[in-house]
Protein backbone atom coordinates (compact mmCIF):
# COMPACT_ATOMS: atom_id res chain seq x y z
CA MET A 1 -1.79 183.20 109.60
CA PRO A 2 -1.43 179.96 107.57
CA ASP A 3 -4.26 177.52 106.98
CA TRP A 4 -2.20 174.64 108.34
CA ILE A 5 0.71 173.92 110.64
CA VAL A 6 2.25 170.52 109.97
CA ILE A 7 4.51 169.22 112.75
CA GLY A 8 7.32 167.00 111.47
CA GLY A 9 9.21 167.11 108.19
CA GLY A 10 9.97 163.44 107.57
CA ILE A 11 8.35 161.44 104.77
CA THR A 12 4.81 161.73 106.16
CA GLY A 13 4.98 165.39 107.15
CA ILE A 14 6.53 166.60 103.92
CA ALA A 15 4.19 164.46 101.79
CA LEU A 16 1.18 165.98 103.54
CA SER A 17 2.56 169.52 103.43
CA TYR A 18 3.25 169.19 99.71
CA GLU A 19 -0.23 167.87 98.92
CA LEU A 20 -1.98 170.51 101.03
CA GLN A 21 0.03 173.29 99.41
CA LYS A 22 -0.72 171.87 95.95
CA ILE A 23 -4.48 172.24 96.45
CA GLY A 24 -4.14 175.87 97.50
CA CYS A 25 -3.83 175.70 101.29
CA SER A 26 -1.13 177.81 102.92
CA VAL A 27 1.11 175.55 105.03
CA LEU A 28 3.77 176.15 107.66
CA LEU A 29 5.91 173.04 108.16
CA ILE A 30 7.75 172.93 111.49
CA GLU A 31 10.62 170.47 111.67
CA GLN A 32 13.12 170.13 114.50
CA HIS A 33 16.16 169.11 112.45
CA GLN A 34 17.65 170.69 109.33
CA LYS A 35 19.33 167.35 108.55
CA LEU A 36 16.88 164.46 108.18
CA GLN A 37 16.35 162.57 111.43
CA GLY A 38 13.83 160.04 112.66
CA SER A 39 12.75 156.90 110.85
CA SER A 40 13.16 158.53 107.44
CA SER A 41 16.89 158.94 108.11
CA ILE A 42 17.80 155.27 108.71
CA SER A 43 15.01 153.48 106.88
CA TYR A 44 15.88 150.82 104.31
CA SER A 45 13.56 152.91 102.07
CA GLY A 46 12.02 149.83 100.50
CA ILE A 47 8.66 150.18 98.76
CA SER A 48 6.72 146.98 99.53
CA TYR A 49 3.81 147.51 97.16
CA TRP A 50 3.46 143.73 96.85
CA GLY A 51 2.45 143.33 100.52
CA ALA A 52 -1.18 144.53 100.40
CA THR A 53 -3.60 142.08 102.00
CA THR A 54 -6.91 143.99 102.10
CA ALA A 55 -9.03 145.95 99.66
CA ILE A 56 -7.88 149.25 101.20
CA THR A 57 -4.18 148.42 101.16
CA ARG A 58 -4.38 147.07 97.59
CA ILE A 59 -5.83 150.37 96.36
CA LEU A 60 -3.26 152.39 98.29
CA SER A 61 -0.38 150.18 97.17
CA GLU A 62 -1.28 150.61 93.52
CA GLU A 63 -1.54 154.37 93.98
CA GLY A 64 1.66 154.45 96.03
CA ILE A 65 3.90 152.61 93.59
CA SER A 66 2.47 154.62 90.68
CA ARG A 67 3.36 157.88 92.46
CA GLN A 68 6.83 156.67 93.37
CA ARG A 69 7.58 155.59 89.82
CA ASN A 70 6.73 159.06 88.55
CA LEU A 71 7.83 161.19 91.48
CA SER A 72 11.26 162.15 90.11
CA ASN A 73 9.61 163.65 87.04
CA GLU A 74 6.95 165.34 89.15
CA LEU A 75 9.50 166.93 91.48
CA GLY A 76 12.19 167.62 88.90
CA MET A 77 14.68 165.84 91.19
CA ASP A 78 15.97 162.27 91.13
CA THR A 79 14.71 160.32 94.15
CA GLU A 80 16.90 157.36 93.08
CA PHE A 81 13.80 155.25 92.53
CA ARG A 82 14.57 151.77 91.18
CA GLU A 83 13.01 148.36 90.88
CA LEU A 84 14.93 145.50 92.48
CA ASP A 85 14.53 141.99 93.84
CA LEU A 86 13.62 141.40 97.47
CA LEU A 87 14.80 138.21 99.13
CA LEU A 88 12.99 137.25 102.32
CA THR A 89 15.28 134.73 103.95
CA LEU A 90 14.01 131.60 105.66
CA GLU A 91 15.70 130.35 108.81
CA PRO A 92 16.87 126.71 108.73
CA GLU A 93 14.24 125.73 111.31
CA ALA A 94 11.45 127.85 109.76
CA ASP A 95 7.92 126.47 109.50
CA LEU A 96 7.84 126.77 105.73
CA GLN A 97 4.16 126.04 105.21
CA ALA A 98 3.07 128.54 107.85
CA ILE A 99 5.19 131.27 106.25
CA ILE A 100 3.96 130.46 102.75
CA ASN A 101 0.36 130.58 103.99
CA GLN A 102 1.04 134.02 105.45
CA TYR A 103 2.40 135.42 102.18
CA ASN A 104 -0.26 133.80 100.03
CA HIS A 105 -2.59 136.60 101.15
CA CYS A 106 -0.37 139.29 99.60
CA ALA A 107 -1.24 141.13 96.39
CA ILE A 108 1.80 139.49 94.77
CA VAL A 109 2.57 135.93 95.83
CA PRO A 110 6.31 135.27 96.25
CA THR A 111 8.38 132.63 94.50
CA LEU A 112 10.00 130.05 96.78
CA LEU A 113 13.73 129.57 96.26
CA ASP A 114 15.96 126.99 97.88
CA ALA A 115 19.22 128.12 99.49
CA GLN A 116 21.29 127.65 96.35
CA GLU A 117 18.80 129.48 94.13
CA ALA A 118 18.73 132.33 96.63
CA HIS A 119 22.54 132.44 96.58
CA GLU A 120 22.50 132.67 92.78
CA ARG A 121 20.27 135.76 93.08
CA GLU A 122 22.38 137.19 95.92
CA PRO A 123 25.94 135.80 96.04
CA LEU A 124 26.60 137.43 99.42
CA LEU A 125 24.05 135.16 101.12
CA ASN A 126 25.37 132.40 103.36
CA THR A 127 23.67 129.21 102.19
CA GLN A 128 24.46 127.54 105.52
CA GLY A 129 22.49 130.18 107.40
CA ILE A 130 19.22 129.85 105.49
CA SER A 131 16.94 127.11 104.22
CA GLY A 132 15.84 129.25 101.29
CA ALA A 133 14.16 132.54 100.51
CA LEU A 134 11.00 134.07 99.12
CA LEU A 135 11.57 136.18 96.01
CA LEU A 136 9.41 139.25 95.38
CA PRO A 137 9.48 142.24 93.02
CA HIS A 138 10.33 145.28 95.10
CA ALA A 139 11.19 148.94 94.71
CA HIS A 140 13.48 151.38 96.48
CA CYS A 141 14.19 155.09 96.72
CA ASN A 142 16.50 157.37 98.67
CA LEU A 143 14.39 159.07 101.35
CA ASP A 144 16.94 161.85 101.77
CA PHE A 145 16.29 162.83 98.16
CA PHE A 146 12.56 162.16 98.48
CA VAL A 147 12.28 164.58 101.39
CA ARG A 148 14.60 167.14 99.80
CA GLY A 149 12.72 167.03 96.50
CA CYS A 150 9.29 167.34 98.14
CA THR A 151 10.57 170.16 100.35
CA ASP A 152 11.88 172.12 97.37
CA ALA A 153 8.61 171.57 95.50
CA PHE A 154 6.59 172.54 98.58
CA GLN A 155 8.55 175.76 99.01
CA GLY A 156 8.32 176.45 95.29
CA LEU A 157 4.54 176.46 95.70
CA GLY A 158 4.79 179.01 98.52
CA GLY A 159 5.04 176.70 101.51
CA LYS A 160 7.10 177.84 104.49
CA VAL A 161 9.50 175.82 106.66
CA VAL A 162 10.61 176.67 110.20
CA TYR A 163 13.30 174.60 111.92
CA ALA A 164 12.34 174.45 115.58
CA LYS A 165 11.24 171.94 118.21
CA VAL A 166 7.53 171.97 118.97
CA GLU A 167 7.33 171.87 122.75
CA ASN A 168 3.56 171.77 123.12
CA LEU A 169 0.25 172.65 121.53
CA LEU A 170 -1.53 175.93 122.22
CA ILE A 171 -5.14 175.26 123.19
CA LEU A 172 -7.97 177.71 123.76
CA GLY A 173 -11.28 176.17 124.71
CA ASP A 174 -12.16 173.47 122.18
CA ARG A 175 -9.61 174.54 119.57
CA VAL A 176 -5.89 174.20 119.05
CA THR A 177 -4.71 177.65 118.09
CA GLY A 178 -1.10 176.79 117.26
CA VAL A 179 2.16 175.51 118.70
CA CYS A 180 4.85 176.70 121.08
CA THR A 181 8.54 176.47 120.12
CA PRO A 182 11.79 178.02 121.41
CA GLU A 183 11.65 180.23 118.30
CA GLY A 184 8.26 181.59 119.35
CA ASP A 185 4.59 180.69 119.05
CA PHE A 186 3.02 179.94 115.69
CA GLN A 187 -0.70 179.96 114.95
CA ALA A 188 -2.83 178.37 112.24
CA ALA A 189 -6.43 177.44 111.54
CA GLN A 190 -5.57 173.72 111.49
CA VAL A 191 -2.75 171.70 113.06
CA CYS A 192 -1.58 168.24 112.03
CA VAL A 193 0.87 166.09 114.00
CA CYS A 194 3.21 164.10 111.73
CA ALA A 195 5.94 163.65 114.33
CA GLY A 196 6.37 159.89 113.99
CA GLY A 197 7.67 158.28 117.16
CA MET A 198 7.47 161.58 119.06
CA SER A 199 3.76 162.03 118.31
CA ARG A 200 2.56 160.20 121.42
CA ALA A 201 4.70 162.26 123.81
CA LEU A 202 3.77 165.55 122.13
CA LEU A 203 0.05 164.82 122.34
CA LYS A 204 0.37 163.56 125.91
CA LYS A 205 1.76 166.93 127.01
CA SER A 206 -1.62 168.41 126.08
CA GLY A 207 -3.57 165.68 127.85
CA ILE A 208 -4.40 163.85 124.62
CA ASN A 209 -4.09 160.07 124.79
CA ALA A 210 -3.52 158.61 121.34
CA ARG A 211 -3.06 154.94 120.60
CA ILE A 212 0.16 155.54 118.73
CA TYR A 213 3.31 153.73 119.78
CA PHE A 214 6.98 153.53 118.87
CA THR A 215 9.99 151.27 118.85
CA HIS A 216 13.62 152.29 119.11
CA ALA A 217 15.20 151.12 115.84
CA GLU A 218 18.93 150.62 115.41
CA VAL A 219 21.00 149.95 112.29
CA ILE A 220 24.59 150.18 111.10
CA VAL A 221 25.39 152.42 108.13
CA THR A 222 28.62 152.01 106.16
CA GLU A 223 30.57 154.40 103.99
CA PRO A 224 30.58 153.62 100.23
CA VAL A 225 32.05 150.13 99.75
CA ASP A 226 33.31 148.00 96.86
CA LEU A 227 31.14 145.11 97.99
CA GLU A 228 28.02 144.76 95.83
CA LEU A 229 24.68 143.73 97.30
CA ARG A 230 22.44 142.92 94.34
CA THR A 231 19.15 142.62 96.18
CA MET A 232 17.38 143.86 99.28
CA VAL A 233 17.54 141.20 101.99
CA MET A 234 15.13 140.87 104.90
CA PRO A 235 13.81 137.94 106.97
CA ALA A 236 10.54 136.30 105.94
CA SER A 237 9.46 136.22 109.58
CA THR A 238 9.83 139.83 110.69
CA LYS A 239 10.32 139.88 114.45
CA ARG A 240 9.62 143.62 114.69
CA TYR A 241 6.01 143.16 113.58
CA ALA A 242 5.48 140.45 116.20
CA LEU A 243 7.07 142.73 118.79
CA GLU A 244 4.70 145.56 117.89
CA ALA A 245 1.63 143.33 117.93
CA SER A 246 2.52 142.12 121.44
CA THR A 247 2.83 145.59 122.99
CA THR A 248 -0.54 147.18 122.28
CA ASP A 249 -2.95 144.99 124.23
CA ALA A 250 -5.03 146.40 127.07
CA GLU A 251 -2.58 145.28 129.75
CA LYS A 252 0.48 146.86 128.15
CA GLU A 253 -1.45 149.98 127.15
CA LYS A 254 -1.34 151.01 130.81
CA LEU A 255 2.46 150.82 130.80
CA TRP A 256 3.08 153.06 127.80
CA ASP A 257 2.85 156.25 129.81
CA ALA A 258 5.16 154.93 132.54
CA ILE A 259 8.66 156.17 131.85
CA GLY A 260 11.47 153.62 131.98
CA GLN A 261 9.53 150.51 130.98
CA GLU A 262 10.85 147.89 128.56
CA LEU A 263 7.76 145.99 127.53
CA LEU A 264 9.50 143.08 125.81
CA PRO A 265 13.07 141.95 125.11
CA PRO A 266 14.59 143.47 121.95
CA SER A 267 14.51 141.66 118.62
CA ILE A 268 16.78 141.68 115.55
CA ASP A 269 15.73 141.32 111.92
CA ALA A 270 18.87 140.50 109.96
CA GLY A 271 18.77 142.32 106.63
CA ALA A 272 20.56 144.82 104.43
CA ILE A 273 20.16 147.23 101.52
CA GLN A 274 22.75 149.03 99.40
CA PHE A 275 22.02 152.54 98.16
CA ARG A 276 23.08 153.90 94.79
CA ASP A 277 26.07 155.66 96.37
CA ARG A 278 27.21 152.17 97.51
CA ARG A 279 26.56 152.75 101.22
CA ILE A 280 24.98 149.76 102.96
CA ARG A 281 22.51 149.84 105.86
CA PHE A 282 22.13 146.67 107.85
CA GLY A 283 20.31 145.63 111.01
CA GLN A 284 17.66 146.13 112.37
CA LEU A 285 17.46 145.88 116.14
CA SER A 286 14.13 146.95 117.69
CA ARG A 287 13.42 147.83 121.32
CA VAL A 288 10.11 148.65 123.00
CA LEU A 289 11.17 151.28 125.53
CA THR A 290 8.44 153.63 126.74
CA ASP A 291 10.85 156.53 127.13
CA PRO A 292 11.49 158.16 123.74
CA ASP A 293 14.74 159.58 125.15
CA ALA A 294 15.95 156.33 126.69
CA ALA A 295 19.73 155.82 126.75
CA ILE A 296 20.95 152.89 124.63
CA ASP A 297 24.40 151.28 124.63
CA PRO A 298 25.54 151.57 121.00
CA VAL A 299 28.54 149.27 121.47
CA ALA A 300 26.46 146.35 122.75
CA SER A 301 23.82 146.96 120.09
CA GLU A 302 26.39 146.94 117.30
CA VAL A 303 27.84 143.66 118.54
CA ASN A 304 24.39 142.07 118.57
CA ILE A 305 23.44 143.40 115.12
CA ARG A 306 26.69 142.17 113.57
CA ALA A 307 26.34 138.74 115.16
CA SER A 308 22.84 138.33 113.74
CA VAL A 309 23.63 139.63 110.26
CA SER A 310 26.79 137.48 110.08
CA GLN A 311 24.58 134.38 109.93
CA ILE A 312 22.95 135.61 106.72
CA LEU A 313 25.36 138.07 105.10
CA PRO A 314 28.78 137.46 106.69
CA LYS A 315 30.74 139.84 104.45
CA VAL A 316 28.27 142.64 105.10
CA ALA A 317 28.49 142.09 108.86
CA GLU A 318 32.28 142.64 108.70
CA LEU A 319 32.03 146.09 107.09
CA LYS A 320 33.00 149.15 109.08
CA GLY A 321 30.04 151.36 109.81
CA GLN A 322 28.34 153.77 112.20
CA TRP A 323 25.56 152.78 114.61
CA GLN A 324 22.43 154.88 114.15
CA HIS A 325 19.19 155.04 116.08
CA CYS A 326 15.71 156.52 115.69
CA LEU A 327 12.09 156.07 116.76
CA VAL A 328 9.63 154.23 114.51
CA ALA A 329 5.91 154.90 115.02
CA PHE A 330 3.24 152.24 114.65
CA SER A 331 -0.44 151.66 115.39
CA ASN A 332 -2.25 148.72 116.96
CA ASP A 333 -3.64 147.42 113.65
CA SER A 334 -0.86 148.12 111.09
CA LEU A 335 -2.89 150.88 109.44
CA PRO A 336 -1.81 154.52 109.64
CA LEU A 337 -3.54 156.88 112.05
CA ILE A 338 -5.30 159.64 110.15
CA GLY A 339 -8.04 161.95 111.36
CA ALA A 340 -9.15 164.65 113.76
CA VAL A 341 -9.05 164.49 117.55
CA ASN A 342 -12.50 164.07 119.06
CA GLU A 343 -12.07 166.97 121.48
CA TYR A 344 -10.37 169.33 118.99
CA GLU A 345 -11.80 169.19 115.50
CA ASN A 346 -8.97 171.28 114.07
CA LEU A 347 -6.22 169.00 115.44
CA HIS A 348 -5.28 166.07 113.22
CA LEU A 349 -2.93 163.10 113.29
CA PHE A 350 -1.14 161.72 110.24
CA SER A 351 1.29 159.15 111.60
CA GLY A 352 1.88 155.50 112.54
CA PHE A 353 2.70 154.35 109.00
CA THR A 354 4.08 150.82 108.86
CA SER A 355 4.98 151.30 105.17
CA PRO A 356 5.27 155.07 104.63
CA THR A 357 7.09 154.74 101.30
CA VAL A 358 3.98 152.99 99.97
CA TYR A 359 1.15 154.79 101.75
CA ALA A 360 2.28 158.32 102.60
CA LEU A 361 1.87 159.87 99.14
CA PRO A 362 -1.56 158.45 98.23
CA LEU A 363 -2.98 159.08 101.70
CA ALA A 364 -1.58 162.62 101.78
CA ARG A 365 -3.34 163.35 98.50
CA ARG A 366 -6.58 161.76 99.71
CA PHE A 367 -6.39 163.59 103.05
CA ALA A 368 -5.84 166.93 101.30
CA ALA A 369 -8.90 166.37 99.13
CA HIS A 370 -10.88 165.19 102.15
CA VAL A 371 -10.27 168.36 104.19
CA THR A 372 -11.53 170.46 101.29
CA GLY A 373 -14.87 168.67 101.46
CA LYS A 374 -14.43 165.80 99.02
CA THR A 375 -15.69 162.54 100.54
CA ASP A 376 -13.03 159.84 100.67
CA GLU A 377 -14.12 156.41 101.86
CA ILE A 378 -10.61 155.28 102.74
CA ILE A 379 -9.92 158.33 104.90
CA GLN A 380 -13.29 157.81 106.59
CA GLN A 381 -12.38 154.19 107.38
CA LEU A 382 -9.19 155.40 109.06
CA SER A 383 -11.39 157.35 111.45
CA PRO A 384 -10.39 158.83 114.83
CA ASN A 385 -12.35 156.22 116.75
CA ARG A 386 -9.56 153.75 116.02
CA PHE A 387 -6.87 155.54 117.94
CA TRP A 388 -8.09 157.99 120.56
CA ASN A 389 -8.34 157.03 124.22
CA ASN A 390 -10.71 159.46 125.91
CA LYS A 391 -9.76 159.68 129.58
């Protein structure tokens, strides 16, 4: 019987499995899909280490970017890590001072560019669609290669992977003994849920009410193109974050377990990133639907995404591509949810990462040390009291 079962093999699950295996724990990673799915599969994969605004996030950001810069060497596999410019576009009617005040709290303060200066940095930008942009140093990796490299390293250390869907937790008294899957039951001394947007539904099946939420995220992914996008482009006012913040108050909390609810109208953040293989991802449309399996009209979504992106990057919006969709987990305070369930001390949650490319690696390492008895003040501050609803 392994020491740990980790549920979910995306960026958070594989980072945690790798770190636990490195310190000598035996780990069984259970992942539903052999091909990467979930938020790791359609993420822009940007590493926003500049965005820290608190003492905790500054420490984690420094650790996170340091790990990412050295991860290819550590894994012996190229994660396609690179440094690049990030342009946060400003809408023509944007309240410039309010936005600048917001970003002045970041670890790295951006440089304000007018529309023409932004166009010089990124020639694909439509100067008529923006009033300017904020310029920041940024980083990027390919999460497909990140996950593949960590998985190979994890298995090289003796870790095991099973591809199966976890249907529910196995509980005996005050302990979680394992998980149930169509491939059979698996048992372990400790269980950690790293299932991203599916975490809430999985826990709910066992009567556990966690304050973890999800949006339905939609993007368009092209084949390799001749068009060259020099920078990563995103809006300075990210509508998705406002959407998330508006759906976790006490009133809406009651609606999250009611299937078929749409808590707010969808929002679109017009942006794009080009990967090293010259594929471009652009979008993103976000919906707050309480059903993780809700049906979405891809044709209508694609029309809306292209219309929004055409205002900022018209040539990108014209590219042929495939609509893709996933769930993106988030918490009610922008910090990841890490810790043990009050009722079951051997059941843990490691999910809800707003910036997993920054925080997953350092927090996985800290969590692994913490469960072996080493006190970690940051892990303690991300305590279970933040996110468990005892009903």
